[in-house]
Protein backbone atom coordinates (compact mmCIF):
# COMPACT_ATOMS: atom_id res chain seq x y z
CA MET A 1 129.63 141.48 96.49
CA SER A 2 126.39 143.20 97.41
CA GLN A 3 123.19 142.81 95.40
CA ASP A 4 123.62 146.27 93.82
CA GLU A 5 127.13 145.59 92.49
CA LEU A 6 127.45 145.37 88.73
CA VAL A 7 128.01 142.25 86.65
CA ASP A 8 128.41 141.67 82.92
CA ILE A 9 125.47 139.83 81.34
CA ILE A 10 126.75 137.43 78.69
CA ASP A 11 125.47 135.09 76.01
CA GLN A 12 126.23 131.34 75.82
CA GLU A 13 129.55 132.07 74.06
CA GLY A 14 130.64 134.49 76.79
CA ASN A 15 130.08 137.67 74.77
CA LYS A 16 129.11 140.69 76.88
CA LEU A 17 125.55 141.85 76.21
CA LYS A 18 125.06 144.51 78.90
CA VAL A 19 125.90 145.50 82.46
CA THR A 20 123.37 145.26 85.27
CA THR A 21 123.17 144.70 89.02
CA LYS A 22 123.67 141.28 90.53
CA GLN A 23 120.15 141.56 91.95
CA GLU A 24 118.63 142.14 88.50
CA ALA A 25 120.70 139.30 87.04
CA HIS A 26 119.30 136.93 89.67
CA SER A 27 115.72 138.21 89.57
CA GLN A 28 115.59 137.81 85.78
CA GLY A 29 117.77 134.68 85.49
CA LEU A 30 120.33 136.45 83.28
CA LEU A 31 123.57 134.60 82.50
CA HIS A 32 126.69 136.03 84.18
CA LYS A 33 130.14 134.75 85.20
CA THR A 34 131.19 133.22 88.48
CA VAL A 35 134.67 131.94 89.28
CA ILE A 36 134.84 128.65 91.16
CA SER A 37 137.95 126.96 92.49
CA GLU A 38 139.09 124.00 94.44
CA VAL A 39 142.04 124.55 96.78
CA ILE A 40 144.43 121.61 96.77
CA ASP A 41 147.39 121.34 99.14
CA SER A 42 150.82 119.79 98.51
CA GLN A 43 149.57 116.46 99.90
CA GLY A 44 146.85 116.37 97.23
CA ARG A 45 144.07 117.03 99.74
CA TRP A 46 141.05 119.08 98.67
CA LEU A 47 139.85 121.86 100.96
CA MET A 48 136.07 121.97 101.21
CA VAL A 49 133.99 124.56 103.06
CA LYS A 50 130.66 123.96 104.76
CA GLN A 51 128.30 126.77 103.81
CA SER A 52 126.73 129.04 106.43
CA LYS A 53 123.00 128.71 107.11
CA ASP A 54 122.10 131.73 104.94
CA ARG A 55 123.94 130.50 101.83
CA GLN A 56 122.75 128.55 98.77
CA ASP A 57 124.03 125.15 99.92
CA ALA A 58 123.54 125.70 103.66
CA GLY A 59 125.26 123.15 105.90
CA GLN A 60 126.81 121.29 102.96
CA TYR A 61 130.34 121.13 101.58
CA VAL A 62 131.15 123.11 98.45
CA SER A 63 134.21 124.41 96.61
CA PRO A 64 136.01 126.89 98.87
CA VAL A 65 136.31 129.69 96.32
CA GLY A 66 133.28 130.90 94.43
CA GLY A 67 131.98 134.31 93.54
CA HIS A 68 130.76 136.68 90.89
CA VAL A 69 133.02 138.30 88.34
CA SER A 70 132.35 142.05 88.64
CA ALA A 71 131.59 144.12 85.54
CA GLY A 72 134.84 144.82 83.70
CA GLU A 73 136.87 142.51 85.94
CA THR A 74 138.98 139.72 84.42
CA GLU A 75 138.41 136.15 85.50
CA ILE A 76 141.89 136.00 87.08
CA GLU A 77 141.27 139.25 88.99
CA ALA A 78 138.01 137.76 90.29
CA LEU A 79 139.72 134.48 91.20
CA LYS A 80 142.38 136.30 93.24
CA ARG A 81 139.83 138.57 94.92
CA GLU A 82 137.49 135.70 95.80
CA ALA A 83 140.36 133.49 97.06
CA GLN A 84 141.42 136.30 99.38
CA GLU A 85 137.85 137.07 100.53
CA GLU A 86 136.73 133.49 101.09
CA VAL A 87 139.81 131.61 102.34
CA GLY A 88 142.41 134.33 102.96
CA LEU A 89 144.79 133.48 100.10
CA THR A 90 146.93 136.40 99.01
CA GLY A 91 149.76 136.96 96.59
CA ASN A 92 150.52 135.13 93.39
CA PHE A 93 149.35 131.63 94.25
CA LYS A 94 149.58 128.89 91.65
CA HIS A 95 146.34 128.21 89.77
CA HIS A 96 145.19 126.17 86.79
CA TYR A 97 142.22 126.82 84.48
CA ILE A 98 139.95 123.78 84.08
CA GLY A 99 136.94 124.84 82.01
CA ARG A 100 133.50 126.45 81.98
CA ALA A 101 129.88 125.32 82.11
CA VAL A 102 126.49 126.92 82.75
CA PHE A 103 124.87 126.17 86.13
CA ASN A 104 121.27 127.39 86.20
CA ARG A 105 119.11 126.78 89.27
CA HIS A 106 116.40 128.35 91.39
CA VAL A 107 117.57 128.65 94.99
CA ILE A 108 116.79 130.85 98.02
CA GLY A 109 114.15 132.79 96.10
CA ARG A 110 116.22 133.69 93.04
CA GLN A 111 117.27 132.33 89.67
CA GLU A 112 121.02 131.79 89.55
CA ASN A 113 122.13 131.47 85.94
CA HIS A 114 125.92 131.33 86.23
CA LEU A 115 128.68 130.54 83.81
CA PHE A 116 131.01 128.67 86.17
CA VAL A 117 134.61 129.44 85.23
CA MET A 118 136.46 126.61 86.96
CA TYR A 119 140.01 126.66 88.36
CA SER A 120 142.18 124.72 90.75
CA VAL A 121 144.30 126.69 93.21
CA PHE A 122 147.34 125.09 94.84
CA SER A 123 148.24 126.26 98.33
CA ASP A 124 149.33 125.08 101.76
CA ALA A 125 148.24 128.33 103.42
CA LYS A 126 146.00 127.94 106.44
CA PRO A 127 142.46 128.92 105.38
CA VAL A 128 140.87 132.01 106.93
CA LEU A 129 137.14 131.64 106.37
CA SER A 130 134.65 134.40 105.60
CA ASN A 131 131.16 134.60 107.08
CA GLU A 132 129.93 132.59 104.08
CA SER A 133 131.39 129.39 105.57
CA GLU A 134 130.86 127.84 108.98
CA SER A 135 133.78 125.39 108.81
CA CYS A 136 136.23 123.67 106.50
CA LYS A 137 137.76 120.23 106.09
CA TYR A 138 140.45 118.61 103.95
CA PHE A 139 139.54 115.48 102.00
CA THR A 140 141.85 113.12 100.15
CA ARG A 141 140.73 112.11 96.67
CA GLU A 142 139.76 108.69 98.06
CA GLU A 143 137.72 110.26 100.88
CA LEU A 144 135.87 112.52 98.43
CA THR A 145 135.14 109.57 96.13
CA PHE A 146 133.83 107.53 99.08
CA GLU A 147 131.70 110.33 100.53
CA LEU A 148 130.24 111.36 97.16
CA LYS A 149 129.14 107.76 96.57
CA ASN A 150 127.97 106.89 100.09
CA HIS A 151 126.89 110.26 101.54
CA PRO A 152 126.07 112.58 98.61
CA GLU A 153 123.87 114.70 100.89
CA LEU A 154 127.02 116.06 102.58
CA PHE A 155 127.73 118.09 99.44
CA GLY A 156 125.80 120.97 97.93
CA ASP A 157 124.20 120.95 94.50
CA SER A 158 126.89 123.32 93.22
CA PHE A 159 129.65 120.84 94.14
CA HIS A 160 127.77 117.94 92.54
CA PHE A 161 127.57 120.08 89.38
CA VAL A 162 131.33 120.81 89.61
CA VAL A 163 132.14 117.11 89.98
CA LYS A 164 129.85 116.09 87.10
CA ASN A 165 131.21 118.74 84.74
CA PHE A 166 134.87 119.11 85.76
CA HIS A 167 135.99 116.30 88.08
CA GLN A 168 134.28 113.11 86.87
CA HIS A 169 137.29 111.13 88.17
CA LEU A 170 135.92 111.63 91.70
CA HIS A 171 133.15 109.16 90.86
CA GLU A 172 135.70 106.43 90.15
CA PRO A 173 137.84 104.64 92.71
CA ARG A 174 141.57 104.96 92.04
CA THR A 175 143.23 101.79 90.85
CA HIS A 176 146.86 101.13 91.72
């Protein structure tokens, strides 16, 4: 999505207030929707992507699917589009809605005020990365829990927000 593409500006309850460009939304800190998704394979491993140097969480691991919901686009349409653009997933892949929370931060010279609409996608397809990611890696739940505790700097602020708001279980070791 380029900076001049249109997004719906919303209130805290998700009601559409107006339509504007992504650039205006970021320059004025206006709240708008972004879909975010983990990709989990049949072995229960989480795919993480390391962001390219020009991205918000450069050189750090983040959720592999994340992008703006275009004006008039449904969240599911955006999820499918972003999954295809960012990791090459096509077709009717299985997904599960998790929740939503506002993530507001100043980064790379702009105010990102996003309503994260969180999903999990389930797929064994080999990822095909966009230019937004420099690499990817699969983590087991135990590996993510260990790395988040012992090496939190490996992960971007957006993923720490996702864990805090949607995946708190990753801060707790699994008991058998």
